[in-house]
Amino acid sequence: MSPMYCEKFRIPKHLEIADGAVVPAPVGEQPMMKTGNWRTERPVIDHEKCTTCLNCFAFCPDSSWHFDEKSEKMVWNPIYCKGCRVCVEVCPVDALRLENELNFKGGVARLDKPY
């Protein structure tokens, strides 16, 4: 970092990060970020309509979508989806629709323990 920045904020030398440095981020699912019990509706995908454009993957704020290479289909992760509807809105071919969470066996995915 520039010396001026460090002096202004008095960042200790051992905590300085060089300009343009890569800071490692957690990889994989984060157990403390389970937000699936917030939703009242869930996205349901019609694989016949899906063109695998990856919009759902790219725009999901909770990384609830991933591409399964074996089946070559998009897969939804109910543990982290909070039902924000972004994926449904950005789907260019209307392959996603919302359905009430209680229409599914088990209802809403609940946390193991409340916070």
Protein backbone atom coordinates (compact mmCIF):
# COMPACT_ATOMS: atom_id res chain seq x y z
CA MET A 1 0.00 0.00 0.00
CA SER A 2 1.06 3.52 -0.43
CA PRO A 3 2.76 4.93 2.66
CA MET A 4 0.32 7.85 2.73
CA TYR A 5 -2.67 5.48 3.06
CA CYS A 6 -1.03 3.54 5.88
CA GLU A 7 -0.09 6.67 7.79
CA LYS A 8 -3.58 8.12 7.46
CA PHE A 9 -5.26 5.04 8.90
CA ARG A 10 -2.34 3.80 11.01
CA ILE A 11 -2.45 0.24 9.73
CA PRO A 12 0.13 -1.92 11.55
CA LYS A 13 2.95 -3.14 9.30
CA HIS A 14 2.03 -6.82 9.80
CA LEU A 15 -1.54 -6.19 8.55
CA GLU A 16 -0.62 -4.26 5.40
CA ILE A 17 -1.71 -5.69 2.06
CA ALA A 18 0.21 -4.77 -1.06
CA ASP A 19 -1.64 -2.86 -3.78
CA GLY A 20 -3.30 -5.35 -6.13
CA ALA A 21 -2.86 -8.25 -3.72
CA VAL A 22 -5.14 -11.26 -3.84
CA VAL A 23 -6.87 -11.92 -0.55
CA PRO A 24 -7.92 -15.58 -0.16
CA ALA A 25 -11.64 -16.12 0.23
CA PRO A 26 -13.40 -19.15 1.71
CA VAL A 27 -14.03 -21.85 -0.87
CA GLY A 28 -17.06 -24.12 -0.79
CA GLU A 29 -20.21 -24.01 1.31
CA GLN A 30 -20.15 -21.92 4.45
CA PRO A 31 -22.17 -23.58 7.23
CA MET A 32 -22.75 -20.30 9.07
CA MET A 33 -24.39 -18.76 5.98
CA LYS A 34 -27.41 -21.07 5.71
CA THR A 35 -30.32 -18.80 4.77
CA GLY A 36 -32.72 -21.27 3.16
CA ASN A 37 -35.20 -20.96 6.00
CA TRP A 38 -35.91 -17.35 5.05
CA ARG A 39 -37.76 -18.10 1.85
CA THR A 40 -41.48 -18.51 1.30
CA GLU A 41 -41.15 -19.42 -2.39
CA ARG A 42 -38.55 -21.46 -4.24
CA PRO A 43 -37.37 -21.36 -7.84
CA VAL A 44 -38.26 -24.44 -9.88
CA ILE A 45 -36.38 -25.07 -13.11
CA ASP A 46 -37.84 -26.47 -16.32
CA HIS A 47 -34.84 -28.26 -17.82
CA GLU A 48 -36.61 -28.51 -21.20
CA LYS A 49 -36.58 -24.71 -21.51
CA CYS A 50 -33.19 -24.09 -19.87
CA THR A 51 -30.45 -23.07 -22.32
CA THR A 52 -27.69 -23.19 -19.66
CA CYS A 53 -26.96 -19.49 -20.14
CA LEU A 54 -25.66 -19.42 -16.52
CA ASN A 55 -27.55 -16.23 -15.64
CA CYS A 56 -29.00 -17.88 -12.55
CA PHE A 57 -25.49 -18.85 -11.48
CA ALA A 58 -23.97 -15.44 -12.24
CA PHE A 59 -26.64 -13.27 -10.63
CA CYS A 60 -27.56 -15.33 -7.55
CA PRO A 61 -26.35 -13.38 -4.50
CA ASP A 62 -26.13 -16.59 -2.46
CA SER A 63 -24.44 -18.89 -5.00
CA SER A 64 -27.41 -21.24 -4.87
CA TRP A 65 -26.97 -22.45 -8.46
CA HIS A 66 -24.23 -24.57 -9.98
CA PHE A 67 -23.70 -26.48 -13.20
CA ASP A 68 -23.56 -30.25 -12.84
CA GLU A 69 -21.12 -31.52 -15.46
CA LYS A 70 -22.40 -35.12 -15.33
CA SER A 71 -26.02 -34.29 -16.11
CA GLU A 72 -25.14 -31.06 -17.94
CA LYS A 73 -27.92 -29.27 -16.06
CA MET A 74 -28.22 -26.42 -13.62
CA VAL A 75 -28.71 -27.57 -10.02
CA TRP A 76 -30.30 -25.54 -7.23
CA ASN A 77 -29.03 -25.64 -3.62
CA PRO A 78 -31.96 -25.15 -1.18
CA ILE A 79 -29.74 -24.65 1.87
CA TYR A 80 -28.54 -21.19 0.83
CA CYS A 81 -31.37 -19.87 -1.38
CA LYS A 82 -33.34 -17.22 0.46
CA GLY A 83 -35.95 -16.86 -2.27
CA CYS A 84 -34.96 -13.40 -3.51
CA ARG A 85 -36.28 -14.18 -7.04
CA VAL A 86 -33.26 -12.72 -8.84
CA CYS A 87 -32.70 -15.94 -10.80
CA VAL A 88 -36.32 -15.99 -11.98
CA GLU A 89 -36.11 -12.36 -13.14
CA VAL A 90 -32.84 -12.77 -15.08
CA CYS A 91 -33.75 -16.01 -16.88
CA PRO A 92 -34.06 -15.02 -20.56
CA VAL A 93 -36.19 -18.04 -21.55
CA ASP A 94 -38.51 -18.22 -18.51
CA ALA A 95 -37.14 -21.62 -17.50
CA LEU A 96 -37.56 -20.71 -13.82
CA ARG A 97 -40.82 -20.20 -11.97
CA LEU A 98 -41.63 -19.64 -8.30
CA GLU A 99 -43.66 -22.08 -6.25
CA ASN A 100 -44.83 -21.81 -2.68
CA GLU A 101 -42.35 -23.47 -0.34
CA LEU A 102 -45.07 -25.40 1.48
CA ASN A 103 -46.00 -27.25 -1.73
CA PHE A 104 -42.88 -29.37 -1.26
CA LYS A 105 -42.34 -32.29 1.09
CA GLY A 106 -40.60 -31.04 4.21
CA GLY A 107 -41.60 -27.43 3.60
CA VAL A 108 -38.88 -24.89 4.25
CA ALA A 109 -35.33 -26.10 4.86
CA ARG A 110 -34.73 -25.26 8.52
CA LEU A 111 -31.46 -24.64 10.30
CA ASP A 112 -30.25 -27.30 12.71
CA LYS A 113 -30.20 -24.77 15.52
CA PRO A 114 -31.62 -21.24 15.67
CA TYR A 115 -29.30 -18.29 16.03
